[in-house]
PDB file of N, CA and C in Angstrom:
ATOM      1  N   MET A   1       0.654  -1.336   0.084  1.00  0.00           N
ATOM      2  CA  MET A   1       0.118   0.016   0.123  1.00  0.00           C
ATOM      3  C   MET A   1       0.796   1.365  -0.099  1.00  0.00           C
ATOM      4  N   SER A   2       0.450   2.325  -0.486  1.00  0.00           N
ATOM      5  CA  SER A   2       1.021   3.287  -0.697  1.00  0.00           C
ATOM      6  C   SER A   2       0.915   4.274   0.232  1.00  0.00           C
ATOM      7  N   LEU A   3       2.265   5.231   0.847  1.00  0.00           N
ATOM      8  CA  LEU A   3       2.017   6.182   1.797  1.00  0.00           C
ATOM      9  C   LEU A   3       0.818   7.475   1.441  1.00  0.00           C
ATOM     10  N   TRP A   4       0.426   7.436   0.366  1.00  0.00           N
ATOM     11  CA  TRP A   4      -0.492   8.625   0.074  1.00  0.00           C
ATOM     12  C   TRP A   4      -1.971   8.078   0.281  1.00  0.00           C
ATOM     13  N   TYR A   5      -2.289   6.615   0.984  1.00  0.00           N
ATOM     14  CA  TYR A   5      -3.380   6.000   1.322  1.00  0.00           C
ATOM     15  C   TYR A   5      -3.606   6.032   2.998  1.00  0.00           C
ATOM     16  N   LYS A   6      -2.588   5.557   3.270  1.00  0.00           N
ATOM     17  CA  LYS A   6      -2.595   5.155   4.882  1.00  0.00           C
ATOM     18  C   LYS A   6      -2.710   6.341   5.851  1.00  0.00           C
ATOM     19  N   GLN A   7      -3.350   5.993   6.737  1.00  0.00           N
ATOM     20  CA  GLN A   7      -3.418   7.420   8.152  1.00  0.00           C
ATOM     21  C   GLN A   7      -1.794   7.325   8.524  1.00  0.00           C
ATOM     22  N   PRO A   8      -1.534   8.410   8.937  1.00  0.00           N
ATOM     23  CA  PRO A   8      -0.198   8.918   9.446  1.00  0.00           C
ATOM     24  C   PRO A   8       0.114   7.648  10.771  1.00  0.00           C
ATOM     25  N   GLU A   9      -0.904   7.655  11.537  1.00  0.00           N
ATOM     26  CA  GLU A   9      -0.470   6.727  12.808  1.00  0.00           C
ATOM     27  C   GLU A   9      -0.291   5.088  12.053  1.00  0.00           C
ATOM     28  N   ASP A  10      -0.503   4.969  11.085  1.00  0.00           N
ATOM     29  CA  ASP A  10      -0.497   3.502  10.751  1.00  0.00           C
ATOM     30  C   ASP A  10       0.869   3.075   9.547  1.00  0.00           C
ATOM     31  N   ILE A  11       1.729   4.245   9.400  1.00  0.00           N
ATOM     32  CA  ILE A  11       2.660   4.261   8.628  1.00  0.00           C
ATOM     33  C   ILE A  11       4.033   3.875   9.545  1.00  0.00           C
ATOM     34  N   THR A  12       4.633   2.778   8.914  1.00  0.00           N
ATOM     35  CA  THR A  12       5.926   2.207   9.335  1.00  0.00           C
ATOM     36  C   THR A  12       7.142   2.762   8.900  1.00  0.00           C
ATOM     37  N   TYR A  13       8.186   2.264   9.548  1.00  0.00           N
ATOM     38  CA  TYR A  13       9.458   2.761   8.729  1.00  0.00           C
ATOM     39  C   TYR A  13       9.404   1.896   7.365  1.00  0.00           C
ATOM     40  N   GLN A  14       8.979   0.466   7.600  1.00  0.00           N
ATOM     41  CA  GLN A  14       9.199  -0.186   6.060  1.00  0.00           C
ATOM     42  C   GLN A  14       8.376   0.326   5.204  1.00  0.00           C
ATOM     43  N   ASP A  15       7.242   0.949   5.402  1.00  0.00           N
ATOM     44  CA  ASP A  15       6.466   1.629   4.410  1.00  0.00           C
ATOM     45  C   ASP A  15       7.283   2.819   3.778  1.00  0.00           C
ATOM     46  N   ILE A  16       8.062   3.639   4.549  1.00  0.00           N
ATOM     47  CA  ILE A  16       8.601   4.758   4.456  1.00  0.00           C
ATOM     48  C   ILE A  16       9.731   4.356   3.297  1.00  0.00           C
ATOM     49  N   ASP A  17      10.346   2.883   3.833  1.00  0.00           N
ATOM     50  CA  ASP A  17      11.782   2.593   2.886  1.00  0.00           C
ATOM     51  C   ASP A  17      11.237   2.002   1.673  1.00  0.00           C
ATOM     52  N   ALA A  18      10.039   1.580   1.352  1.00  0.00           N
ATOM     53  CA  ALA A  18       9.585   1.033   0.409  1.00  0.00           C
ATOM     54  C   ALA A  18       9.266   2.264  -0.425  1.00  0.00           C
ATOM     55  N   PHE A  19       8.618   3.236  -0.002  1.00  0.00           N
ATOM     56  CA  PHE A  19       8.015   4.333  -0.778  1.00  0.00           C
ATOM     57  C   PHE A  19       9.367   4.943  -1.268  1.00  0.00           C
ATOM     58  N   CYS A  20      10.251   5.405  -0.499  1.00  0.00           N
ATOM     59  CA  CYS A  20      11.504   5.721  -1.250  1.00  0.00           C
ATOM     60  C   CYS A  20      12.455   4.978  -2.165  1.00  0.00           C
ATOM     61  N   LEU A  21      12.212   3.485  -1.926  1.00  0.00           N
ATOM     62  CA  LEU A  21      12.885   2.771  -2.886  1.00  0.00           C
ATOM     63  C   LEU A  21      12.182   3.046  -4.389  1.00  0.00           C
ATOM     64  N   GLN A  22      10.823   3.329  -4.672  1.00  0.00           N
ATOM     65  CA  GLN A  22      10.123   3.390  -5.616  1.00  0.00           C
ATOM     66  C   GLN A  22      10.353   4.574  -6.419  1.00  0.00           C
ATOM     67  N   GLN A  23      11.043   5.647  -5.511  1.00  0.00           N
ATOM     68  CA  GLN A  23      11.699   6.847  -6.313  1.00  0.00           C
ATOM     69  C   GLN A  23      10.865   7.677  -6.898  1.00  0.00           C
ATOM     70  N   HIS A  24       9.736   8.113  -6.009  1.00  0.00           N
ATOM     71  CA  HIS A  24       8.821   9.142  -6.628  1.00  0.00           C
ATOM     72  C   HIS A  24       9.287  10.346  -6.893  1.00  0.00           C
ATOM     73  N   PRO A  25       9.215  11.098  -7.681  1.00  0.00           N
ATOM     74  CA  PRO A  25       9.607  12.566  -7.697  1.00  0.00           C
ATOM     75  C   PRO A  25       9.054  13.586  -7.179  1.00  0.00           C
ATOM     76  N   GLU A  26      10.168  14.273  -6.491  1.00  0.00           N
ATOM     77  CA  GLU A  26       9.637  15.600  -5.729  1.00  0.00           C
ATOM     78  C   GLU A  26       8.563  16.218  -6.542  1.00  0.00           C
ATOM     79  N   GLY A  27       7.706  17.300  -5.951  1.00  0.00           N
ATOM     80  CA  GLY A  27       6.477  17.830  -6.605  1.00  0.00           C
ATOM     81  C   GLY A  27       5.631  18.480  -5.692  1.00  0.00           C
ATOM     82  N   MET A  28       4.204  18.954  -6.058  1.00  0.00           N
ATOM     83  CA  MET A  28       3.839  20.077  -5.309  1.00  0.00           C
ATOM     84  C   MET A  28       3.347  19.015  -4.033  1.00  0.00           C
ATOM     85  N   ARG A  29       3.451  17.838  -4.069  1.00  0.00           N
ATOM     86  CA  ARG A  29       2.681  16.894  -3.069  1.00  0.00           C
ATOM     87  C   ARG A  29       3.683  16.228  -2.274  1.00  0.00           C
ATOM     88  N   LEU A  30       4.772  16.450  -2.701  1.00  0.00           N
ATOM     89  CA  LEU A  30       6.155  15.341  -1.974  1.00  0.00           C
ATOM     90  C   LEU A  30       7.457  16.226  -1.965  1.00  0.00           C
ATOM     91  N   ASP A  31       7.858  16.195  -0.782  1.00  0.00           N
ATOM     92  CA  ASP A  31       9.277  16.733  -0.685  1.00  0.00           C
ATOM     93  C   ASP A  31      10.195  15.706   0.317  1.00  0.00           C
ATOM     94  N   TYR A  32      11.307  15.890  -0.159  1.00  0.00           N
ATOM     95  CA  TYR A  32      12.415  14.816   0.628  1.00  0.00           C
ATOM     96  C   TYR A  32      13.315  16.151   1.430  1.00  0.00           C
ATOM     97  N   LYS A  33      13.880  15.812   2.587  1.00  0.00           N
ATOM     98  CA  LYS A  33      14.577  16.564   3.230  1.00  0.00           C
ATOM     99  C   LYS A  33      15.378  15.815   3.771  1.00  0.00           C
ATOM    100  N   LEU A  34      16.874  16.140   3.605  1.00  0.00           N
ATOM    101  CA  LEU A  34      17.964  15.338   4.376  1.00  0.00           C
ATOM    102  C   LEU A  34      17.975  15.751   6.002  1.00  0.00           C
ATOM    103  N   ASP A  35      17.726  16.954   6.242  1.00  0.00           N
ATOM    104  CA  ASP A  35      17.591  17.509   7.498  1.00  0.00           C
ATOM    105  C   ASP A  35      16.447  18.494   7.524  1.00  0.00           C
ATOM    106  N   VAL A  36      16.336  18.683   8.810  1.00  0.00           N
ATOM    107  CA  VAL A  36      15.103  19.803   9.200  1.00  0.00           C
ATOM    108  C   VAL A  36      15.171  20.913   8.883  1.00  0.00           C
ATOM    109  N   PRO A  37      14.552  21.496   8.093  1.00  0.00           N
ATOM    110  CA  PRO A  37      15.254  22.949   7.495  1.00  0.00           C
ATOM    111  C   PRO A  37      14.642  23.935   8.840  1.00  0.00           C
ATOM    112  N   THR A  38      15.552  25.180   8.649  1.00  0.00           N
ATOM    113  CA  THR A  38      14.808  26.448   9.495  1.00  0.00           C
ATOM    114  C   THR A  38      13.454  26.456   9.068  1.00  0.00           C
ATOM    115  N   HIS A  39      13.218  26.605   8.138  1.00  0.00           N
ATOM    116  CA  HIS A  39      12.101  27.458   7.476  1.00  0.00           C
ATOM    117  C   HIS A  39      10.928  26.418   7.717  1.00  0.00           C
ATOM    118  N   LEU A  40      11.190  25.252   8.493  1.00  0.00           N
ATOM    119  CA  LEU A  40       9.975  23.882   8.856  1.00  0.00           C
ATOM    120  C   LEU A  40       8.944  24.661   8.763  1.00  0.00           C
ATOM    121  N   ALA A  41       8.106  25.501   9.385  1.00  0.00           N
ATOM    122  CA  ALA A  41       6.996  26.179   9.633  1.00  0.00           C
ATOM    123  C   ALA A  41       6.408  26.345   8.371  1.00  0.00           C
ATOM    124  N   LYS A  42       7.156  27.200   7.433  1.00  0.00           N
ATOM    125  CA  LYS A  42       6.862  27.620   6.090  1.00  0.00           C
ATOM    126  C   LYS A  42       6.417  26.409   5.019  1.00  0.00           C
ATOM    127  N   LEU A  43       7.379  25.678   5.158  1.00  0.00           N
ATOM    128  CA  LEU A  43       7.128  24.453   4.563  1.00  0.00           C
ATOM    129  C   LEU A  43       5.720  23.537   4.748  1.00  0.00           C
ATOM    130  N   VAL A  44       5.841  23.508   5.930  1.00  0.00           N
ATOM    131  CA  VAL A  44       4.263  22.865   6.333  1.00  0.00           C
ATOM    132  C   VAL A  44       3.125  23.302   6.200  1.00  0.00           C
ATOM    133  N   ALA A  45       2.858  24.836   6.330  1.00  0.00           N
ATOM    134  CA  ALA A  45       1.970  25.911   5.801  1.00  0.00           C
ATOM    135  C   ALA A  45       1.798  25.812   4.672  1.00  0.00           C
ATOM    136  N   ALA A  46       2.571  25.661   3.692  1.00  0.00           N
ATOM    137  CA  ALA A  46       2.762  25.826   2.227  1.00  0.00           C
ATOM    138  C   ALA A  46       1.776  24.450   1.977  1.00  0.00           C
ATOM    139  N   PHE A  47       2.336  23.362   2.748  1.00  0.00           N
ATOM    140  CA  PHE A  47       1.477  21.959   2.286  1.00  0.00           C
ATOM    141  C   PHE A  47       0.153  22.288   2.737  1.00  0.00           C
ATOM    142  N   ALA A  48       0.136  22.528   3.787  1.00  0.00           N
ATOM    143  CA  ALA A  48      -1.396  22.767   4.618  1.00  0.00           C
ATOM    144  C   ALA A  48      -2.341  23.376   3.670  1.00  0.00           C
ATOM    145  N   ASN A  49      -1.903  24.738   2.894  1.00  0.00           N
ATOM    146  CA  ASN A  49      -2.679  25.855   2.226  1.00  0.00           C
ATOM    147  C   ASN A  49      -2.950  25.144   1.063  1.00  0.00           C
ATOM    148  N   THR A  50      -2.425  24.021   0.471  1.00  0.00           N
ATOM    149  CA  THR A  50      -2.683  23.792  -0.979  1.00  0.00           C
ATOM    150  C   THR A  50      -3.151  22.225  -0.937  1.00  0.00           C
ATOM    151  N   LEU A  51      -2.671  21.551  -1.457  1.00  0.00           N
ATOM    152  CA  LEU A  51      -3.217  20.116  -1.502  1.00  0.00           C
ATOM    153  C   LEU A  51      -3.068  19.135  -0.626  1.00  0.00           C
ATOM    154  N   GLY A  52      -1.793  19.528   0.463  1.00  0.00           N
ATOM    155  CA  GLY A  52      -1.616  18.469   1.381  1.00  0.00           C
ATOM    156  C   GLY A  52      -0.285  17.949   1.004  1.00  0.00           C
ATOM    157  N   GLY A  53      -0.036  16.749   1.355  1.00  0.00           N
ATOM    158  CA  GLY A  53       1.241  16.084   0.600  1.00  0.00           C
ATOM    159  C   GLY A  53       2.088  15.467   1.934  1.00  0.00           C
ATOM    160  N   ILE A  54       3.194  15.024   1.217  1.00  0.00           N
ATOM    161  CA  ILE A  54       4.115  14.059   2.474  1.00  0.00           C
ATOM    162  C   ILE A  54       5.667  14.800   2.568  1.00  0.00           C
ATOM    163  N   ILE A  55       6.103  15.074   3.683  1.00  0.00           N
ATOM    164  CA  ILE A  55       7.603  15.423   3.531  1.00  0.00           C
ATOM    165  C   ILE A  55       8.180  14.327   4.335  1.00  0.00           C
ATOM    166  N   ILE A  56       9.320  14.182   3.812  1.00  0.00           N
ATOM    167  CA  ILE A  56       9.866  12.584   4.458  1.00  0.00           C
ATOM    168  C   ILE A  56      11.480  13.410   4.705  1.00  0.00           C
ATOM    169  N   PHE A  57      11.552  13.346   6.184  1.00  0.00           N
ATOM    170  CA  PHE A  57      12.646  13.629   6.188  1.00  0.00           C
ATOM    171  C   PHE A  57      13.993  12.589   6.617  1.00  0.00           C
ATOM    172  N   GLY A  58      15.155  12.943   6.309  1.00  0.00           N
ATOM    173  CA  GLY A  58      16.313  11.936   6.496  1.00  0.00           C
ATOM    174  C   GLY A  58      16.557  11.543   4.935  1.00  0.00           C
ATOM    175  N   VAL A  59      16.229  11.958   4.291  1.00  0.00           N
ATOM    176  CA  VAL A  59      16.517  11.504   2.830  1.00  0.00           C
ATOM    177  C   VAL A  59      16.749  12.678   1.627  1.00  0.00           C
ATOM    178  N   GLU A  60      17.678  12.638   1.162  1.00  0.00           N
ATOM    179  CA  GLU A  60      18.028  13.620   0.266  1.00  0.00           C
ATOM    180  C   GLU A  60      17.742  12.950  -1.468  1.00  0.00           C
ATOM    181  N   ALA A  61      17.086  14.221  -1.907  1.00  0.00           N
ATOM    182  CA  ALA A  61      16.561  13.910  -3.182  1.00  0.00           C
ATOM    183  C   ALA A  61      17.795  13.897  -4.237  1.00  0.00           C
ATOM    184  N   ASP A  62      17.662  13.393  -5.292  1.00  0.00           N
ATOM    185  CA  ASP A  62      18.541  13.314  -6.244  1.00  0.00           C
ATOM    186  C   ASP A  62      18.677  14.801  -6.949  1.00  0.00           C
ATOM    187  N   LYS A  63      19.412  15.533  -7.140  1.00  0.00           N
ATOM    188  CA  LYS A  63      19.428  16.851  -7.847  1.00  0.00           C
ATOM    189  C   LYS A  63      19.192  16.666  -9.376  1.00  0.00           C
ATOM    190  N   THR A  64      19.557  15.701  -9.992  1.00  0.00           N
ATOM    191  CA  THR A  64      19.334  15.701 -11.202  1.00  0.00           C
ATOM    192  C   THR A  64      18.087  15.265 -11.477  1.00  0.00           C
ATOM    193  N   ALA A  65      17.533  14.069 -10.904  1.00  0.00           N
ATOM    194  CA  ALA A  65      16.272  13.145 -11.359  1.00  0.00           C
ATOM    195  C   ALA A  65      15.349  13.951 -10.433  1.00  0.00           C
ATOM    196  N   ASN A  66      15.648  14.645  -9.008  1.00  0.00           N
ATOM    197  CA  ASN A  66      14.723  15.348  -8.174  1.00  0.00           C
ATOM    198  C   ASN A  66      13.674  13.812  -7.885  1.00  0.00           C
ATOM    199  N   LYS A  67      14.251  12.914  -7.435  1.00  0.00           N
ATOM    200  CA  LYS A  67      13.703  11.674  -7.158  1.00  0.00           C
ATOM    201  C   LYS A  67      14.385  11.246  -5.743  1.00  0.00           C
TER     202      LYS A  67
END
């Protein structure tokens, strides 16, 4: 099952690992962050004020493929 359809409290580490291995590209509803950014409140507010989405911390996106 995809992270897009799970309740946050039901998501496990294995779910996140499998999701990242699928190499979904970053976009309006998905963002990968290696570290917690100093502008975290703005990032969360931007997601909350649009379509929502998923922010995954501890993962660095490939700069060329944006995955």
